[in-house]
Amino acid sequence: MKTNLWHRRVALVSTIFLLISAVTGLLWAYAAHLYLRTDYQKKKNGITTPAFRAAKITPQAALESAFKTGDTTKVEHITLLREGGRLVYLIAMQKGAKQKPALVDALTGMKLSPIDDRFASQIATEYVKAPATVASVKTLATYVTMTGRELKDVLEVTFNESSHPKIILDRSSGANVDEVDGARKFQYWVRKLHQFQFFGTKKELTAIPGLALLFLTITGVMILWRRYKPKKRPS
């Protein structure tokens, strides 16, 4: 009868894990319909910016502004962009094994990298629905995303909106490298709970409900066999 006892005990405990998996699985699958936006890291409003034809600085002049004397950096490409109300050249450069982008103002020729707090606020504002007010701008030498990716030398722009959105910008290129708000944090915890990522593990703990189901299947078959197995007839 111990098989029946352990079958019930494991069934009771595994029910908790299965309910967690079911609920978080549904929240994860239908996140876009329930609470999660689909426009993260996309510009939602534009700031009045000069037209591309207004550029006064040539690409060559922009390169001269971005380079230092004797610099051996290799230029990969240069692009004219509209960022944060400014017309800028984004210069993608390769120095050794590292990529080192730079921004240059297309009207004045001034090198903008690393971008300052004011320009960062203007860029970040384009990624938040208007009206939006900046609460703070922080320079971070290292930033770790919720998924564990490590970013270097970024600016964290926080807004006063109810969901406290944060826009993370690369200080060299002004690129939006991460965007976080209350809904995205909740989504992260839903995914983490669904995959049982606790105590420094990744997906190893998902073996618990899996093994529990295997145990219940085996003990269930044993219980049914004992109940319905043919009885020996007396000779």
Protein backbone atom coordinates (compact mmCIF):
# COMPACT_ATOMS: atom_id res chain seq x y z
CA MET A 1 0.00 0.00 0.00
CA LYS A 2 3.03 2.27 0.16
CA THR A 3 2.73 2.77 -3.59
CA ASN A 4 -0.70 4.36 -3.11
CA LEU A 5 0.60 6.57 -0.30
CA TRP A 6 3.58 7.88 -2.29
CA HIS A 7 1.42 8.27 -5.39
CA ARG A 8 -0.92 10.61 -3.47
CA ARG A 9 1.94 12.52 -1.84
CA VAL A 10 3.78 13.14 -5.09
CA ALA A 11 0.50 14.02 -6.84
CA LEU A 12 -0.23 16.65 -4.19
CA VAL A 13 3.19 18.26 -4.44
CA SER A 14 3.39 18.08 -8.24
CA THR A 15 -0.02 19.75 -8.53
CA ILE A 16 1.61 22.96 -7.25
CA PHE A 17 4.32 22.83 -9.93
CA LEU A 18 1.85 21.96 -12.66
CA LEU A 19 -0.45 24.84 -11.71
CA ILE A 20 2.51 27.24 -11.77
CA SER A 21 3.54 25.97 -15.19
CA ALA A 22 -0.01 26.20 -16.54
CA VAL A 23 -0.74 29.72 -15.26
CA THR A 24 2.64 31.20 -16.20
CA GLY A 25 2.52 29.42 -19.56
CA LEU A 26 -0.79 31.09 -20.40
CA LEU A 27 0.46 34.49 -19.19
CA TRP A 28 3.59 34.09 -21.29
CA ALA A 29 1.76 32.91 -24.40
CA TYR A 30 -0.86 35.69 -24.32
CA ALA A 31 1.34 38.46 -22.88
CA ALA A 32 0.89 40.67 -25.96
CA HIS A 33 -2.90 40.47 -25.55
CA LEU A 34 -2.99 40.92 -21.78
CA TYR A 35 -0.32 43.33 -20.55
CA LEU A 36 2.83 43.48 -22.70
CA ARG A 37 3.38 46.10 -25.40
CA THR A 38 4.71 45.16 -28.82
CA ASP A 39 6.56 48.41 -29.55
CA TYR A 40 9.57 48.14 -27.24
CA GLN A 41 12.74 49.82 -28.54
CA LYS A 42 10.74 51.48 -31.33
CA LYS A 43 10.30 55.22 -31.71
CA LYS A 44 6.79 56.30 -30.70
CA ASN A 45 6.98 60.04 -31.30
CA GLY A 46 9.26 62.29 -33.28
CA ILE A 47 10.97 65.53 -32.36
CA THR A 48 11.14 68.26 -34.99
CA THR A 49 14.39 67.65 -36.85
CA PRO A 50 16.01 69.40 -39.84
CA ALA A 51 15.55 67.67 -43.19
CA PHE A 52 18.39 65.50 -44.51
CA ARG A 53 19.16 68.06 -47.22
CA ALA A 54 19.99 70.57 -44.46
CA ALA A 55 23.25 68.78 -43.63
CA LYS A 56 26.12 71.27 -43.88
CA ILE A 57 28.95 68.90 -43.04
CA THR A 58 30.16 66.39 -45.60
CA PRO A 59 30.79 62.76 -44.64
CA GLN A 60 34.51 63.36 -45.08
CA ALA A 61 34.42 66.31 -42.67
CA ALA A 62 32.47 64.18 -40.20
CA LEU A 63 35.15 61.51 -40.39
CA GLU A 64 37.84 64.09 -39.70
CA SER A 65 35.88 65.22 -36.64
CA ALA A 66 35.48 61.67 -35.36
CA PHE A 67 39.09 60.60 -35.88
CA LYS A 68 42.05 61.58 -33.78
CA THR A 69 45.40 62.35 -35.34
CA GLY A 70 47.24 59.12 -36.01
CA ASP A 71 44.19 56.99 -35.27
CA THR A 72 44.29 53.64 -37.08
CA THR A 73 40.58 52.91 -36.66
CA LYS A 74 38.92 51.30 -39.68
CA VAL A 75 35.68 52.88 -40.91
CA GLU A 76 32.97 50.39 -41.87
CA HIS A 77 30.20 52.76 -42.89
CA ILE A 78 28.73 56.20 -42.21
CA THR A 79 25.00 56.94 -42.05
CA LEU A 80 23.04 60.18 -41.87
CA LEU A 81 20.34 59.92 -39.18
CA ARG A 82 17.75 61.99 -37.33
CA GLU A 83 18.20 61.45 -33.60
CA GLY A 84 16.80 63.41 -30.69
CA GLY A 85 15.94 66.46 -32.78
CA ARG A 86 19.38 66.56 -34.40
CA LEU A 87 20.72 65.63 -37.80
CA VAL A 88 23.75 63.43 -37.13
CA TYR A 89 26.26 61.16 -38.83
CA LEU A 90 26.62 57.74 -37.26
CA ILE A 91 30.10 56.46 -38.02
CA ALA A 92 30.61 52.73 -37.49
CA MET A 93 34.27 52.12 -36.77
CA GLN A 94 36.34 49.01 -36.06
CA LYS A 95 39.33 49.29 -33.75
CA GLY A 96 41.04 45.96 -33.35
CA ALA A 97 38.38 43.42 -32.38
CA LYS A 98 36.04 46.07 -30.98
CA GLN A 99 33.39 48.18 -32.68
CA LYS A 100 33.52 51.82 -31.67
CA PRO A 101 30.73 53.95 -33.18
CA ALA A 102 30.70 57.74 -33.05
CA LEU A 103 28.11 60.47 -33.60
CA VAL A 104 28.91 63.77 -35.33
CA ASP A 105 26.51 66.69 -35.69
CA ALA A 106 25.76 67.11 -39.42
CA LEU A 107 25.14 70.86 -39.03
CA THR A 108 28.10 71.92 -36.90
CA GLY A 109 30.61 69.08 -37.31
CA MET A 110 30.86 68.70 -33.53
CA LYS A 111 31.59 65.22 -32.24
CA LEU A 112 28.74 64.20 -29.92
CA SER A 113 30.11 60.91 -28.57
CA PRO A 114 30.03 60.14 -25.74
CA ILE A 115 26.58 61.75 -25.68
CA ASP A 116 25.70 64.04 -22.77
CA ASP A 117 22.65 63.83 -20.47
CA ARG A 118 20.66 66.43 -22.37
CA PHE A 119 21.05 64.74 -25.76
CA ALA A 120 20.36 61.35 -24.14
CA SER A 121 17.08 62.71 -22.74
CA GLN A 122 16.06 63.97 -26.18
CA ILE A 123 16.82 60.62 -27.82
CA ALA A 124 15.09 58.60 -25.07
CA THR A 125 11.96 60.78 -25.22
CA GLU A 126 11.34 59.55 -28.78
CA TYR A 127 10.89 56.02 -27.40
CA VAL A 128 8.23 56.97 -24.82
CA LYS A 129 4.68 57.96 -25.61
CA ALA A 130 4.13 61.71 -25.27
CA PRO A 131 3.80 63.55 -23.00
CA ALA A 132 6.81 62.21 -21.09
CA THR A 133 9.06 63.86 -18.53
CA VAL A 134 12.55 62.70 -17.64
CA ALA A 135 13.10 61.86 -13.97
CA SER A 136 16.82 61.12 -14.09
CA VAL A 137 19.78 60.29 -16.30
CA LYS A 138 22.55 58.05 -14.99
CA THR A 139 25.87 57.07 -16.56
CA LEU A 140 26.60 53.39 -15.96
CA ALA A 141 29.96 51.77 -16.62
CA THR A 142 28.25 48.36 -16.60
CA TYR A 143 24.59 47.47 -17.05
CA VAL A 144 23.11 43.98 -16.83
CA THR A 145 19.83 43.36 -18.62
CA MET A 146 17.11 41.19 -17.06
CA THR A 147 18.20 38.33 -19.31
CA GLY A 148 21.76 38.56 -17.95
CA ARG A 149 23.41 40.31 -20.90
CA GLU A 150 26.15 42.70 -19.81
CA LEU A 151 26.45 46.09 -21.52
CA LYS A 152 29.29 48.57 -21.12
CA ASP A 153 29.24 52.37 -20.92
CA VAL A 154 25.54 53.21 -21.17
CA LEU A 155 23.11 55.92 -20.08
CA GLU A 156 19.98 55.00 -18.13
CA VAL A 157 17.17 57.48 -18.76
CA THR A 158 14.21 57.08 -16.37
CA PHE A 159 10.82 58.71 -16.92
CA ASN A 160 8.13 59.82 -14.45
CA GLU A 161 5.30 57.82 -16.02
CA SER A 162 3.31 55.37 -13.87
CA SER A 163 5.11 52.29 -15.24
CA HIS A 164 8.50 54.00 -14.63
CA PRO A 165 9.93 53.23 -18.08
CA LYS A 166 13.71 53.18 -18.48
CA ILE A 167 15.52 53.64 -21.78
CA ILE A 168 19.10 52.37 -21.91
CA LEU A 169 21.26 54.11 -24.52
CA ASP A 170 24.74 53.33 -25.78
CA ARG A 171 26.88 56.37 -24.94
CA SER A 172 28.81 56.20 -28.21
CA SER A 173 26.05 55.62 -30.76
CA GLY A 174 22.92 56.74 -28.88
CA ALA A 175 21.29 53.43 -29.82
CA ASN A 176 18.46 52.09 -27.69
CA VAL A 177 20.03 48.89 -26.32
CA ASP A 178 17.34 48.06 -23.76
CA GLU A 179 13.93 49.26 -22.61
CA VAL A 180 12.29 48.31 -19.32
CA ASP A 181 8.97 49.11 -17.65
CA GLY A 182 6.64 47.47 -15.15
CA ALA A 183 5.04 45.18 -17.73
CA ARG A 184 8.37 43.96 -19.07
CA LYS A 185 9.63 43.25 -15.54
CA PHE A 186 6.48 41.24 -14.88
CA GLN A 187 6.99 39.33 -18.14
CA TYR A 188 10.53 38.49 -17.08
CA TRP A 189 9.37 37.08 -13.75
CA VAL A 190 6.59 35.10 -15.47
CA ARG A 191 9.16 33.50 -17.76
CA LYS A 192 11.57 32.90 -14.89
CA LEU A 193 8.84 31.27 -12.78
CA HIS A 194 7.64 29.17 -15.72
CA GLN A 195 11.14 27.78 -16.23
CA PHE A 196 11.84 27.51 -12.46
CA GLN A 197 15.00 29.60 -12.79
CA PHE A 198 15.92 29.95 -9.13
CA PHE A 199 18.99 29.49 -6.92
CA GLY A 200 21.31 30.28 -9.81
CA THR A 201 19.88 27.57 -12.05
CA LYS A 202 18.65 27.96 -15.62
CA LYS A 203 16.19 25.25 -16.61
CA GLU A 204 17.46 22.38 -14.48
CA LEU A 205 14.58 22.59 -11.99
CA THR A 206 12.05 21.87 -14.73
CA ALA A 207 13.11 18.25 -14.17
CA ILE A 208 11.09 18.26 -10.93
CA PRO A 209 7.59 18.32 -12.52
CA GLY A 210 8.87 16.12 -15.34
CA LEU A 211 10.13 13.42 -13.00
CA ALA A 212 7.00 13.78 -10.88
CA LEU A 213 4.80 13.05 -13.92
CA LEU A 214 6.96 10.05 -14.79
CA PHE A 215 6.68 8.76 -11.20
CA LEU A 216 2.90 9.27 -11.17
CA THR A 217 2.55 7.42 -14.47
CA ILE A 218 4.54 4.43 -13.22
CA THR A 219 2.85 4.25 -9.81
CA GLY A 220 -0.56 4.79 -11.41
CA VAL A 221 -0.01 1.80 -13.70
CA MET A 222 1.12 -0.26 -10.70
CA ILE A 223 -2.01 0.69 -8.73
CA LEU A 224 -4.31 -0.14 -11.64
CA TRP A 225 -2.54 -3.42 -12.23
CA ARG A 226 -2.99 -4.46 -8.63
CA ARG A 227 -6.64 -3.48 -8.72
CA TYR A 228 -7.59 -5.18 -11.96
CA LYS A 229 -5.08 -8.01 -12.33
CA PRO A 230 -6.68 -11.40 -12.82
CA LYS A 231 -7.22 -13.26 -9.60
CA LYS A 232 -5.96 -16.79 -9.30
CA ARG A 233 -8.73 -19.31 -9.13
CA PRO A 234 -8.51 -21.90 -6.41
CA SER A 235 -7.55 -25.28 -7.83
